[in-house]
C-alpha atoms as a PDB file:
ATOM      1  CA  MET A   1     -62.316  14.544   5.259  1.00  0.00           C
ATOM      2  CA  THR A   2     -61.413  18.047   6.244  1.00  0.00           C
ATOM      3  CA  ASP A   3     -63.065  21.341   6.545  1.00  0.00           C
ATOM      4  CA  PHE A   4     -60.126  23.193   6.154  1.00  0.00           C
ATOM      5  CA  ASP A   5     -59.525  25.036   2.808  1.00  0.00           C
ATOM      6  CA  LEU A   6     -56.200  23.589   1.589  1.00  0.00           C
ATOM      7  CA  ALA A   7     -55.616  25.687  -0.828  1.00  0.00           C
ATOM      8  CA  GLU A   8     -55.857  28.619   0.897  1.00  0.00           C
ATOM      9  CA  ILE A   9     -53.638  27.420   3.946  1.00  0.00           C
ATOM     10  CA  ASP A  10     -51.035  25.984   1.573  1.00  0.00           C
ATOM     11  CA  ARG A  11     -51.085  29.285  -0.371  1.00  0.00           C
ATOM     12  CA  LEU A  12     -50.595  30.957   3.443  1.00  0.00           C
ATOM     13  CA  LEU A  13     -47.866  28.702   3.844  1.00  0.00           C
ATOM     14  CA  THR A  14     -45.492  28.792   0.485  1.00  0.00           C
ATOM     15  CA  THR A  15     -46.113  33.163   0.645  1.00  0.00           C
ATOM     16  CA  THR A  16     -44.772  33.777   4.321  1.00  0.00           C
ATOM     17  CA  LYS A  17     -41.830  35.259   3.447  1.00  0.00           C
ATOM     18  CA  GLN A  18     -38.563  36.731   5.501  1.00  0.00           C
ATOM     19  CA  VAL A  19     -40.124  40.414   4.649  1.00  0.00           C
ATOM     20  CA  ARG A  20     -37.057  43.191   4.623  1.00  0.00           C
ATOM     21  CA  LYS A  21     -37.760  45.569   2.095  1.00  0.00           C
ATOM     22  CA  ARG A  22     -41.470  45.658   1.730  1.00  0.00           C
ATOM     23  CA  LEU A  23     -42.296  46.835   5.428  1.00  0.00           C
ATOM     24  CA  ASP A  24     -44.186  49.719   5.895  1.00  0.00           C
ATOM     25  CA  LEU A  25     -42.120  52.148   8.300  1.00  0.00           C
ATOM     26  CA  ASN A  26     -44.895  54.650   8.392  1.00  0.00           C
ATOM     27  CA  ARG A  27     -47.695  52.687   9.298  1.00  0.00           C
ATOM     28  CA  GLU A  28     -48.318  52.205  13.300  1.00  0.00           C
ATOM     29  CA  VAL A  29     -48.940  48.660  13.981  1.00  0.00           C
ATOM     30  CA  PRO A  30     -51.876  47.986  16.674  1.00  0.00           C
ATOM     31  CA  VAL A  31     -50.349  46.007  19.708  1.00  0.00           C
ATOM     32  CA  ASP A  32     -53.448  44.101  20.054  1.00  0.00           C
ATOM     33  CA  LEU A  33     -52.933  42.864  16.634  1.00  0.00           C
ATOM     34  CA  LEU A  34     -49.598  41.877  17.545  1.00  0.00           C
ATOM     35  CA  LEU A  35     -51.322  40.081  20.856  1.00  0.00           C
ATOM     36  CA  ASP A  36     -53.589  38.121  18.367  1.00  0.00           C
ATOM     37  CA  CYS A  37     -50.749  36.537  16.497  1.00  0.00           C
ATOM     38  CA  ILE A  38     -48.885  35.735  19.736  1.00  0.00           C
ATOM     39  CA  GLU A  39     -52.002  34.007  21.202  1.00  0.00           C
ATOM     40  CA  VAL A  40     -51.883  31.938  18.212  1.00  0.00           C
ATOM     41  CA  ALA A  41     -48.545  31.243  18.831  1.00  0.00           C
ATOM     42  CA  GLY A  42     -49.265  29.974  21.959  1.00  0.00           C
ATOM     43  CA  HIS A  43     -50.930  26.751  20.472  1.00  0.00           C
ATOM     44  CA  ALA A  44     -47.901  25.547  18.428  1.00  0.00           C
ATOM     45  CA  PRO A  45     -46.252  22.324  20.303  1.00  0.00           C
ATOM     46  CA  VAL A  46     -43.826  22.813  22.891  1.00  0.00           C
ATOM     47  CA  GLY A  47     -41.689  20.083  24.824  1.00  0.00           C
ATOM     48  CA  GLY A  48     -43.148  18.634  28.159  1.00  0.00           C
ATOM     49  CA  ASN A  49     -46.299  20.854  27.221  1.00  0.00           C
ATOM     50  CA  LEU A  50     -44.141  23.051  29.481  1.00  0.00           C
ATOM     51  CA  GLU A  51     -45.152  26.649  28.605  1.00  0.00           C
ATOM     52  CA  ARG A  52     -41.911  28.205  29.170  1.00  0.00           C
ATOM     53  CA  ASN A  53     -41.880  30.844  25.831  1.00  0.00           C
ATOM     54  CA  ARG A  54     -42.450  34.604  26.617  1.00  0.00           C
ATOM     55  CA  TRP A  55     -42.694  37.577  24.558  1.00  0.00           C
ATOM     56  CA  ILE A  56     -41.577  40.902  24.603  1.00  0.00           C
ATOM     57  CA  ILE A  57     -42.836  43.863  22.378  1.00  0.00           C
ATOM     58  CA  VAL A  58     -40.833  46.535  21.547  1.00  0.00           C
ATOM     59  CA  THR A  59     -42.676  49.672  20.084  1.00  0.00           C
ATOM     60  CA  ASP A  60     -40.778  52.705  22.534  1.00  0.00           C
ATOM     61  CA  PRO A  61     -38.754  54.785  19.288  1.00  0.00           C
ATOM     62  CA  GLU A  62     -35.529  54.840  21.970  1.00  0.00           C
ATOM     63  CA  LEU A  63     -35.702  51.455  22.599  1.00  0.00           C
ATOM     64  CA  LYS A  64     -35.952  50.204  18.957  1.00  0.00           C
ATOM     65  CA  ALA A  65     -32.944  53.020  18.189  1.00  0.00           C
ATOM     66  CA  GLU A  66     -30.676  51.371  20.582  1.00  0.00           C
ATOM     67  CA  ILE A  67     -31.397  47.900  19.647  1.00  0.00           C
ATOM     68  CA  ALA A  68     -31.256  48.614  16.151  1.00  0.00           C
ATOM     69  CA  HIS A  69     -27.758  50.460  16.912  1.00  0.00           C
ATOM     70  CA  TYR A  70     -26.741  46.588  18.140  1.00  0.00           C
ATOM     71  CA  TYR A  71     -28.107  44.733  15.704  1.00  0.00           C
ATOM     72  CA  ALA A  72     -25.917  46.974  12.894  1.00  0.00           C
ATOM     73  CA  GLU A  73     -22.891  46.790  14.850  1.00  0.00           C
ATOM     74  CA  VAL A  74     -22.956  42.841  14.126  1.00  0.00           C
ATOM     75  CA  GLY A  75     -25.238  42.953  11.050  1.00  0.00           C
ATOM     76  CA  ARG A  76     -23.050  45.221   8.917  1.00  0.00           C
ATOM     77  CA  PRO A  77     -19.387  43.490   9.215  1.00  0.00           C
ATOM     78  CA  TYR A  78     -20.662  40.086   8.852  1.00  0.00           C
ATOM     79  CA  LEU A  79     -22.880  40.966   5.739  1.00  0.00           C
ATOM     80  CA  ALA A  80     -19.624  42.974   4.054  1.00  0.00           C
ATOM     81  CA  ALA A  81     -18.063  39.935   4.792  1.00  0.00           C
ATOM     82  CA  SER A  82     -20.484  37.629   3.393  1.00  0.00           C
ATOM     83  CA  SER A  83     -20.970  39.628   0.056  1.00  0.00           C
ATOM     84  CA  GLY A  84     -17.210  38.816  -0.656  1.00  0.00           C
ATOM     85  CA  ILE A  85     -17.436  35.189  -0.294  1.00  0.00           C
ATOM     86  CA  ARG A  86     -20.669  34.376  -2.495  1.00  0.00           C
ATOM     87  CA  THR A  87     -21.779  36.554  -5.117  1.00  0.00           C
ATOM     88  CA  ASP A  88     -24.661  34.495  -7.007  1.00  0.00           C
ATOM     89  CA  GLU A  89     -27.745  36.697  -7.726  1.00  0.00           C
ATOM     90  CA  ARG A  90     -30.040  35.048  -4.963  1.00  0.00           C
ATOM     91  CA  THR A  91     -27.427  35.492  -2.432  1.00  0.00           C
ATOM     92  CA  THR A  92     -26.800  39.356  -3.237  1.00  0.00           C
ATOM     93  CA  ARG A  93     -30.596  39.884  -3.257  1.00  0.00           C
ATOM     94  CA  VAL A  94     -30.482  38.230   0.305  1.00  0.00           C
ATOM     95  CA  ILE A  95     -27.822  40.581   1.468  1.00  0.00           C
ATOM     96  CA  ASP A  96     -29.336  43.832  -0.097  1.00  0.00           C
ATOM     97  CA  SER A  97     -32.421  43.322   1.795  1.00  0.00           C
ATOM     98  CA  SER A  98     -30.311  42.465   4.645  1.00  0.00           C
ATOM     99  CA  ILE A  99     -28.739  45.660   4.535  1.00  0.00           C
ATOM    100  CA  HIS A 100     -31.837  47.677   3.725  1.00  0.00           C
ATOM    101  CA  LEU A 101     -33.292  45.996   7.317  1.00  0.00           C
ATOM    102  CA  ILE A 102     -30.303  47.247   9.243  1.00  0.00           C
ATOM    103  CA  ASP A 103     -30.679  50.984   7.214  1.00  0.00           C
ATOM    104  CA  HIS A 104     -34.284  50.980   8.646  1.00  0.00           C
ATOM    105  CA  MET A 105     -34.240  48.663  11.894  1.00  0.00           C
ATOM    106  CA  HIS A 106     -34.949  51.961  14.027  1.00  0.00           C
ATOM    107  CA  GLU A 107     -38.132  52.481  11.742  1.00  0.00           C
ATOM    108  CA  VAL A 108     -40.037  49.457  12.440  1.00  0.00           C
ATOM    109  CA  PRO A 109     -43.541  49.754  13.837  1.00  0.00           C
ATOM    110  CA  ALA A 110     -42.518  46.892  16.145  1.00  0.00           C
ATOM    111  CA  MET A 111     -40.019  44.605  17.343  1.00  0.00           C
ATOM    112  CA  VAL A 112     -41.302  41.282  18.714  1.00  0.00           C
ATOM    113  CA  ILE A 113     -38.541  39.714  20.499  1.00  0.00           C
ATOM    114  CA  PRO A 114     -39.793  35.758  21.564  1.00  0.00           C
ATOM    115  CA  LEU A 115     -37.896  34.423  25.300  1.00  0.00           C
ATOM    116  CA  ARG A 116     -38.066  31.532  26.911  1.00  0.00           C
ATOM    117  CA  LEU A 117     -37.681  31.151  30.865  1.00  0.00           C
ATOM    118  CA  ASP A 118     -34.290  29.091  30.813  1.00  0.00           C
ATOM    119  CA  ARG A 119     -30.908  29.016  29.345  1.00  0.00           C
ATOM    120  CA  PRO A 120     -30.174  27.129  25.612  1.00  0.00           C
ATOM    121  CA  PRO A 121     -28.523  23.336  26.786  1.00  0.00           C
ATOM    122  CA  SER A 122     -24.915  23.545  27.055  1.00  0.00           C
ATOM    123  CA  GLY A 123     -21.728  21.520  27.577  1.00  0.00           C
ATOM    124  CA  GLU A 124     -22.176  18.170  28.558  1.00  0.00           C
ATOM    125  CA  ASN A 125     -26.057  18.576  28.969  1.00  0.00           C
ATOM    126  CA  GLU A 126     -26.161  19.951  25.045  1.00  0.00           C
ATOM    127  CA  GLU A 127     -26.048  16.788  23.512  1.00  0.00           C
ATOM    128  CA  GLY A 128     -29.164  15.528  22.427  1.00  0.00           C
ATOM    129  CA  SER A 129     -31.158  18.152  24.318  1.00  0.00           C
ATOM    130  CA  ALA A 130     -30.447  21.286  22.361  1.00  0.00           C
ATOM    131  CA  GLY A 131     -32.933  19.916  19.418  1.00  0.00           C
ATOM    132  CA  GLY A 132     -35.620  19.845  22.057  1.00  0.00           C
ATOM    133  CA  TRP A 133     -34.867  23.370  23.547  1.00  0.00           C
ATOM    134  CA  TRP A 134     -35.384  24.740  20.023  1.00  0.00           C
ATOM    135  CA  GLY A 135     -38.239  22.619  18.851  1.00  0.00           C
ATOM    136  CA  SER A 136     -39.701  24.443  21.904  1.00  0.00           C
ATOM    137  CA  VAL A 137     -39.311  28.088  20.245  1.00  0.00           C
ATOM    138  CA  LEU A 138     -39.179  27.274  16.407  1.00  0.00           C
ATOM    139  CA  PRO A 139     -42.899  26.257  16.000  1.00  0.00           C
ATOM    140  CA  GLY A 140     -44.268  29.459  18.321  1.00  0.00           C
ATOM    141  CA  VAL A 141     -41.840  31.466  16.466  1.00  0.00           C
ATOM    142  CA  TRP A 142     -43.146  30.360  13.042  1.00  0.00           C
ATOM    143  CA  SER A 143     -46.701  30.356  14.092  1.00  0.00           C
ATOM    144  CA  PHE A 144     -46.603  33.785  14.964  1.00  0.00           C
ATOM    145  CA  GLN A 145     -45.278  34.724  11.302  1.00  0.00           C
ATOM    146  CA  LEU A 146     -47.581  32.727   9.596  1.00  0.00           C
ATOM    147  CA  ALA A 147     -50.769  34.533  12.022  1.00  0.00           C
ATOM    148  CA  ALA A 148     -48.860  37.704  11.336  1.00  0.00           C
ATOM    149  CA  ARG A 149     -49.179  37.053   7.529  1.00  0.00           C
ATOM    150  CA  ALA A 150     -52.985  36.274   7.672  1.00  0.00           C
ATOM    151  CA  ARG A 151     -53.243  39.883   9.178  1.00  0.00           C
ATOM    152  CA  GLY A 152     -51.145  41.702   6.392  1.00  0.00           C
ATOM    153  CA  LEU A 153     -48.266  42.095   8.883  1.00  0.00           C
ATOM    154  CA  GLY A 154     -44.707  41.617   7.415  1.00  0.00           C
ATOM    155  CA  SER A 155     -42.119  39.658   9.351  1.00  0.00           C
ATOM    156  CA  THR A 156     -38.415  37.884  10.027  1.00  0.00           C
ATOM    157  CA  TRP A 157     -36.133  35.831  11.720  1.00  0.00           C
ATOM    158  CA  THR A 158     -33.385  37.780  12.927  1.00  0.00           C
ATOM    159  CA  THR A 159     -30.834  37.121  15.359  1.00  0.00           C
ATOM    160  CA  PHE A 160     -27.607  39.504  14.831  1.00  0.00           C
ATOM    161  CA  HIS A 161     -28.781  41.276  18.251  1.00  0.00           C
ATOM    162  CA  LEU A 162     -27.654  37.943  20.067  1.00  0.00           C
ATOM    163  CA  ALA A 163     -24.436  39.272  20.111  1.00  0.00           C
ATOM    164  CA  HIS A 164     -25.236  41.638  22.314  1.00  0.00           C
ATOM    165  CA  GLU A 165     -28.100  39.671  24.253  1.00  0.00           C
ATOM    166  CA  GLU A 166     -26.720  40.768  27.932  1.00  0.00           C
ATOM    167  CA  LYS A 167     -26.822  44.452  26.983  1.00  0.00           C
ATOM    168  CA  ILE A 168     -29.931  43.983  25.487  1.00  0.00           C
ATOM    169  CA  ALA A 169     -31.455  42.417  28.469  1.00  0.00           C
ATOM    170  CA  ASP A 170     -30.271  45.172  30.457  1.00  0.00           C
ATOM    171  CA  LEU A 171     -31.976  47.703  28.448  1.00  0.00           C
ATOM    172  CA  LEU A 172     -35.619  45.587  28.662  1.00  0.00           C
ATOM    173  CA  GLY A 173     -35.059  44.512  32.279  1.00  0.00           C
ATOM    174  CA  ILE A 174     -34.964  40.918  30.937  1.00  0.00           C
ATOM    175  CA  PRO A 175     -33.655  38.516  33.741  1.00  0.00           C
ATOM    176  CA  SER A 176     -30.038  36.642  32.942  1.00  0.00           C
ATOM    177  CA  THR A 177     -31.743  33.274  33.292  1.00  0.00           C
ATOM    178  CA  VAL A 178     -34.123  34.189  30.349  1.00  0.00           C
ATOM    179  CA  SER A 179     -33.045  33.573  26.507  1.00  0.00           C
ATOM    180  CA  GLN A 180     -33.942  36.194  23.495  1.00  0.00           C
ATOM    181  CA  CYS A 181     -34.389  34.017  20.511  1.00  0.00           C
ATOM    182  CA  ALA A 182     -34.718  35.990  17.853  1.00  0.00           C
ATOM    183  CA  LEU A 183     -36.048  39.356  16.856  1.00  0.00           C
ATOM    184  CA  LEU A 184     -38.531  39.991  14.734  1.00  0.00           C
ATOM    185  CA  PRO A 185     -39.299  43.409  13.166  1.00  0.00           C
ATOM    186  CA  VAL A 186     -42.782  43.515  12.156  1.00  0.00           C
ATOM    187  CA  ALA A 187     -44.805  45.930   9.866  1.00  0.00           C
ATOM    188  CA  PHE A 188     -47.630  46.112   7.812  1.00  0.00           C
ATOM    189  CA  TYR A 189     -46.502  44.651   4.388  1.00  0.00           C
ATOM    190  CA  THR A 190     -46.458  47.206   1.329  1.00  0.00           C
ATOM    191  CA  GLY A 191     -47.631  45.882  -2.377  1.00  0.00           C
ATOM    192  CA  ASP A 192     -50.348  43.400  -3.104  1.00  0.00           C
ATOM    193  CA  SER A 193     -48.980  40.123  -2.178  1.00  0.00           C
ATOM    194  CA  PHE A 194     -46.009  37.594  -2.376  1.00  0.00           C
ATOM    195  CA  HIS A 195     -45.597  34.558  -4.382  1.00  0.00           C
ATOM    196  CA  PRO A 196     -43.943  30.972  -4.011  1.00  0.00           C
ATOM    197  CA  ALA A 197     -40.423  31.064  -3.872  1.00  0.00           C
ATOM    198  CA  PRO A 198     -38.478  28.784  -6.359  1.00  0.00           C
ATOM    199  CA  ARG A 199     -37.563  25.597  -4.431  1.00  0.00           C
ATOM    200  CA  ARG A 200     -36.077  22.335  -5.358  1.00  0.00           C
ATOM    201  CA  SER A 201     -38.496  19.567  -6.125  1.00  0.00           C
ATOM    202  CA  VAL A 202     -39.982  17.639  -3.837  1.00  0.00           C
ATOM    203  CA  ASP A 203     -38.374  14.025  -5.509  1.00  0.00           C
ATOM    204  CA  GLU A 204     -35.114  16.017  -5.145  1.00  0.00           C
ATOM    205  CA  VAL A 205     -35.298  16.602  -1.580  1.00  0.00           C
ATOM    206  CA  THR A 206     -37.395  13.309  -0.030  1.00  0.00           C
ATOM    207  CA  TYR A 207     -35.797   9.796   0.414  1.00  0.00           C
ATOM    208  CA  LEU A 208     -37.587   6.533   0.573  1.00  0.00           C
ATOM    209  CA  ASN A 209     -36.574   3.770   3.343  1.00  0.00           C
ATOM    210  CA  GLY A 210     -32.769   5.169   3.123  1.00  0.00           C
ATOM    211  CA  TRP A 211     -30.178   7.859   2.177  1.00  0.00           C
ATOM    212  CA  LYS A 212     -30.962   8.727  -1.500  1.00  0.00           C
ATOM    213  CA  GLN A 213     -33.208   6.307  -2.078  1.00  0.00           C
ATOM    214  CA  PRO A 214     -36.157   7.709  -4.450  1.00  0.00           C
ATOM    215  CA  VAL A 215     -39.319   8.224  -2.990  1.00  0.00           C
ATOM    216  CA  ARG A 216     -40.995   7.573  -6.391  1.00  0.00           C
END
């Protein structure tokens, strides 16, 4: 038996969206609220139980504007190219919301950058170890996003800024030995709530004891 409210937990897990258009750009996000989310994220699993993850919260308008500039410099041409390749309705909506985020990135109340105190595996060291490296980052970031959602905050995982990682590292005083893993714009979300998105059925994506063997 469990004392968790499974219905509420499942609702949190299935309605935590990548929020781009519904970020409230006019409402300040208290740093203490972000710290609560980061504290929750610190309990996510990490390889070897080594606590190598760090976080930077950016609220200074000038810093946000410069980061947003680098973000747009990469994001705009990428999305322009993508819009010419895939024209289905679902992709069009994602591209439209991503462009909206680029247009307003400098206005988000807070940017949260998850960091790791080393560099990703490369070359001969990459095989078999990259999964472990990212596997020590992603659970914490997702936990942060879940904790944020539970507190009325929206966020989205973005990486366009990483093309200018060195410039942003200089801007924020991040050592060259430390990796920026993502950039999360964070704000209170507008509207009432979110609903689960359409997804393929569990029977379609799950196999039992072998590739494409029906699970039931």
